[in-house]
Amino acid sequence: MPKPYSALEMAQAVAYLLAHLAGDESLVRPKGLEVFNESQDDLAPAA
């Protein structure tokens, strides 16, 4: 999240990320928050 950001924006980002990690996609991604997901298909095979 680019600075400057408010405490409210940070709280919304944390709420979104925690919900996203729990599989809840009902929250809208906050503006300015970049999320990089790696699916299992994108990961390199284990050596």
N, C-alpha and C. Protein backbone atom coordinates (compact mmCIF):
# COMPACT_ATOMS: atom_id res chain seq x y z
N MET A 1 0.84 -1.15 0.00
CA MET A 1 0.00 0.00 0.00
C MET A 1 0.90 1.23 0.00
N PRO A 2 0.72 2.10 -0.94
CA PRO A 2 1.58 3.27 -0.99
C PRO A 2 1.27 4.25 0.14
N LYS A 3 2.32 4.88 0.63
CA LYS A 3 2.14 5.90 1.67
C LYS A 3 1.83 7.21 1.00
N PRO A 4 1.16 8.15 1.59
CA PRO A 4 0.60 8.08 2.94
C PRO A 4 -0.75 7.36 2.94
N TYR A 5 -1.03 6.68 4.01
CA TYR A 5 -2.32 6.03 4.17
C TYR A 5 -2.81 6.31 5.59
N SER A 6 -4.12 6.28 5.75
CA SER A 6 -4.71 6.57 7.05
C SER A 6 -4.84 5.29 7.86
N ALA A 7 -5.12 5.46 9.13
CA ALA A 7 -5.36 4.30 9.99
C ALA A 7 -6.57 3.51 9.51
N LEU A 8 -7.59 4.21 9.01
CA LEU A 8 -8.78 3.53 8.48
C LEU A 8 -8.42 2.69 7.26
N GLU A 9 -7.62 3.24 6.35
CA GLU A 9 -7.21 2.49 5.15
C GLU A 9 -6.41 1.25 5.54
N MET A 10 -5.54 1.36 6.54
CA MET A 10 -4.76 0.21 6.97
C MET A 10 -5.66 -0.84 7.61
N ALA A 11 -6.62 -0.41 8.42
CA ALA A 11 -7.54 -1.36 9.04
C ALA A 11 -8.38 -2.08 7.99
N GLN A 12 -8.81 -1.37 6.96
CA GLN A 12 -9.58 -1.99 5.88
C GLN A 12 -8.72 -2.99 5.11
N ALA A 13 -7.45 -2.67 4.90
CA ALA A 13 -6.55 -3.58 4.19
C ALA A 13 -6.32 -4.85 5.01
N VAL A 14 -6.12 -4.70 6.30
CA VAL A 14 -5.91 -5.87 7.17
C VAL A 14 -7.16 -6.74 7.20
N ALA A 15 -8.33 -6.12 7.33
CA ALA A 15 -9.58 -6.87 7.34
C ALA A 15 -9.75 -7.64 6.02
N TYR A 16 -9.45 -6.97 4.91
CA TYR A 16 -9.56 -7.63 3.60
C TYR A 16 -8.61 -8.82 3.51
N LEU A 17 -7.36 -8.62 3.91
CA LEU A 17 -6.37 -9.69 3.79
C LEU A 17 -6.71 -10.89 4.69
N LEU A 18 -7.16 -10.63 5.91
CA LEU A 18 -7.53 -11.73 6.80
C LEU A 18 -8.73 -12.49 6.25
N ALA A 19 -9.71 -11.77 5.73
CA ALA A 19 -10.87 -12.44 5.14
C ALA A 19 -10.45 -13.24 3.91
N HIS A 20 -9.58 -12.66 3.09
CA HIS A 20 -9.10 -13.33 1.87
C HIS A 20 -8.36 -14.62 2.23
N LEU A 21 -7.52 -14.57 3.25
CA LEU A 21 -6.79 -15.76 3.68
C LEU A 21 -7.73 -16.85 4.20
N ALA A 22 -8.85 -16.43 4.77
CA ALA A 22 -9.84 -17.38 5.28
C ALA A 22 -10.77 -17.88 4.19
N GLY A 23 -10.59 -17.40 2.96
CA GLY A 23 -11.41 -17.84 1.84
C GLY A 23 -12.67 -17.01 1.63
N ASP A 24 -12.81 -15.93 2.36
CA ASP A 24 -13.98 -15.05 2.24
C ASP A 24 -13.68 -13.99 1.19
N GLU A 25 -14.38 -14.04 0.07
CA GLU A 25 -14.17 -13.08 -1.02
C GLU A 25 -15.27 -12.03 -1.07
N SER A 26 -15.99 -11.82 0.05
CA SER A 26 -17.12 -10.89 0.05
C SER A 26 -16.68 -9.43 0.17
N LEU A 27 -15.47 -9.17 0.69
CA LEU A 27 -14.99 -7.80 0.84
C LEU A 27 -14.33 -7.33 -0.45
N VAL A 28 -14.50 -6.07 -0.74
CA VAL A 28 -13.87 -5.46 -1.92
C VAL A 28 -12.45 -5.08 -1.56
N ARG A 29 -11.51 -5.35 -2.47
CA ARG A 29 -10.10 -5.00 -2.22
C ARG A 29 -9.98 -3.49 -2.10
N PRO A 30 -9.36 -3.02 -1.01
CA PRO A 30 -9.18 -1.57 -0.85
C PRO A 30 -8.35 -0.96 -1.97
N LYS A 31 -8.71 0.26 -2.34
CA LYS A 31 -7.98 0.98 -3.38
C LYS A 31 -6.52 1.15 -2.94
N GLY A 32 -5.61 0.89 -3.83
CA GLY A 32 -4.19 1.05 -3.53
C GLY A 32 -3.52 -0.18 -2.98
N LEU A 33 -4.28 -1.21 -2.62
CA LEU A 33 -3.70 -2.43 -2.07
C LEU A 33 -3.41 -3.39 -3.21
N GLU A 34 -2.16 -3.78 -3.33
CA GLU A 34 -1.78 -4.77 -4.33
C GLU A 34 -1.63 -6.11 -3.65
N VAL A 35 -2.26 -7.12 -4.21
CA VAL A 35 -2.21 -8.46 -3.65
C VAL A 35 -1.62 -9.39 -4.70
N PHE A 36 -0.61 -10.11 -4.31
CA PHE A 36 0.04 -11.05 -5.21
C PHE A 36 -0.21 -12.45 -4.69
N ASN A 37 -0.98 -13.21 -5.43
CA ASN A 37 -1.30 -14.59 -5.06
C ASN A 37 -0.49 -15.55 -5.91
N GLU A 38 -0.03 -16.59 -5.27
CA GLU A 38 0.64 -17.66 -6.01
C GLU A 38 -0.24 -18.89 -5.90
N SER A 39 -0.74 -19.34 -7.03
CA SER A 39 -1.50 -20.58 -6.99
C SER A 39 -0.53 -21.75 -6.98
N GLN A 40 -1.02 -22.90 -6.60
CA GLN A 40 -0.15 -24.08 -6.55
C GLN A 40 0.42 -24.40 -7.92
N ASP A 41 -0.30 -24.06 -9.00
CA ASP A 41 0.18 -24.33 -10.35
C ASP A 41 1.35 -23.44 -10.72
N ASP A 42 1.47 -22.27 -10.07
CA ASP A 42 2.52 -21.32 -10.40
C ASP A 42 3.84 -21.61 -9.68
N LEU A 43 3.77 -22.47 -8.66
CA LEU A 43 4.97 -22.74 -7.86
C LEU A 43 5.89 -23.72 -8.59
N ALA A 44 7.18 -23.54 -8.40
CA ALA A 44 8.16 -24.45 -8.99
C ALA A 44 8.05 -25.82 -8.32
N PRO A 45 8.30 -26.88 -9.06
CA PRO A 45 8.25 -28.21 -8.44
C PRO A 45 9.31 -28.36 -7.37
N ALA A 46 8.98 -29.09 -6.33
CA ALA A 46 9.95 -29.33 -5.23
C ALA A 46 11.10 -30.19 -5.73
N ALA A 47 12.27 -29.86 -5.30
CA ALA A 47 13.46 -30.62 -5.74
C ALA A 47 13.76 -31.75 -4.80
